[in-house]
């Protein structure tokens, strides 16, 4: 879970004290369409996976991301 949180924080430039497990797409200015693609690229690189387009579109929150990554056998 720490690695997953760190990827979010680094990709979206969120300080640990401003991070929340309830974070959703567009909740913060940093998680816009550009931030979303930066986050997806970082997840793919760190977990050595290729995320399908449908899953990229469906990746709408921190918690939803956990469920999506499980489809790729990523243990959070």
Protein backbone atom coordinates (compact mmCIF):
# COMPACT_ATOMS: atom_id res chain seq x y z
CA UNK A 1 0.00 0.00 0.00
CA UNK A 2 2.88 2.37 0.73
CA UNK A 3 4.28 1.98 -2.79
CA UNK A 4 0.84 2.63 -4.33
CA UNK A 5 0.34 5.77 -2.20
CA UNK A 6 3.82 7.00 -3.07
CA UNK A 7 3.14 6.61 -6.80
CA UNK A 8 -0.01 8.74 -6.37
CA UNK A 9 1.81 11.36 -4.32
CA UNK A 10 4.77 11.58 -6.68
CA UNK A 11 2.74 11.53 -9.90
CA UNK A 12 0.24 14.14 -8.77
CA UNK A 13 2.63 16.19 -6.60
CA UNK A 14 0.58 15.69 -3.44
CA UNK A 15 2.28 16.05 -0.08
CA UNK A 16 1.74 13.11 2.30
CA UNK A 17 -0.20 15.31 4.73
CA UNK A 18 -2.61 16.37 1.95
CA UNK A 19 -3.17 12.83 0.67
CA UNK A 20 -6.38 10.91 1.37
CA UNK A 21 -7.43 7.34 0.59
CA UNK A 22 -10.76 8.88 -0.50
CA UNK A 23 -9.13 10.84 -3.33
CA UNK A 24 -11.14 10.91 -6.56
CA UNK A 25 -10.44 12.10 -10.09
CA UNK A 26 -10.81 15.91 -10.34
CA UNK A 27 -11.09 16.29 -6.53
CA UNK A 28 -7.85 18.26 -6.69
CA UNK A 29 -6.44 20.43 -9.51
CA UNK A 30 -3.42 18.11 -9.85
CA UNK A 31 -5.60 15.14 -10.84
CA UNK A 32 -6.81 16.44 -14.17
CA UNK A 33 -6.51 14.66 -17.52
CA UNK A 34 -2.76 15.35 -17.75
CA UNK A 35 -2.18 14.24 -14.16
CA UNK A 36 -4.26 11.14 -14.84
CA UNK A 37 -2.05 10.05 -17.73
CA UNK A 38 1.08 10.79 -15.68
CA UNK A 39 -0.32 8.59 -12.92
CA UNK A 40 -1.21 5.78 -15.34
CA UNK A 41 2.28 5.85 -16.86
CA UNK A 42 3.87 5.73 -13.40
CA UNK A 43 1.68 2.78 -12.35
CA UNK A 44 2.54 0.89 -15.53
CA UNK A 45 6.25 1.55 -15.08
CA UNK A 46 6.40 0.72 -11.38
CA UNK A 47 4.29 -2.43 -11.59
CA UNK A 48 5.56 -3.53 -15.04
CA UNK A 49 2.06 -3.79 -16.49
CA UNK A 50 0.11 -2.36 -19.42
CA UNK A 51 -3.27 -0.96 -18.39
CA UNK A 52 -6.13 -1.34 -20.90
CA UNK A 53 -7.80 1.82 -22.19
CA UNK A 54 -11.12 0.88 -20.54
CA UNK A 55 -9.38 0.53 -17.18
CA UNK A 56 -7.58 3.87 -17.62
CA UNK A 57 -10.96 5.54 -18.18
CA UNK A 58 -12.52 3.62 -15.27
CA UNK A 59 -9.66 4.51 -12.87
CA UNK A 60 -11.65 7.21 -11.09
CA UNK A 61 -10.40 7.08 -7.53
CA UNK A 62 -7.61 5.82 -5.29
CA UNK A 63 -9.82 2.97 -4.05
CA UNK A 64 -11.14 2.05 -7.51
CA UNK A 65 -7.52 1.86 -8.66
CA UNK A 66 -6.81 -0.89 -6.15
CA UNK A 67 -9.60 -3.02 -7.64
CA UNK A 68 -8.42 -2.35 -11.18
CA UNK A 69 -4.80 -3.21 -10.39
CA UNK A 70 -5.88 -6.53 -8.88
CA UNK A 71 -7.00 -7.53 -12.40
CA UNK A 72 -3.33 -7.23 -13.39
CA UNK A 73 -2.19 -9.38 -10.44
CA UNK A 74 -0.76 -6.38 -8.61
CA UNK A 75 -0.74 -6.86 -4.85
CA UNK A 76 -1.28 -3.51 -3.17
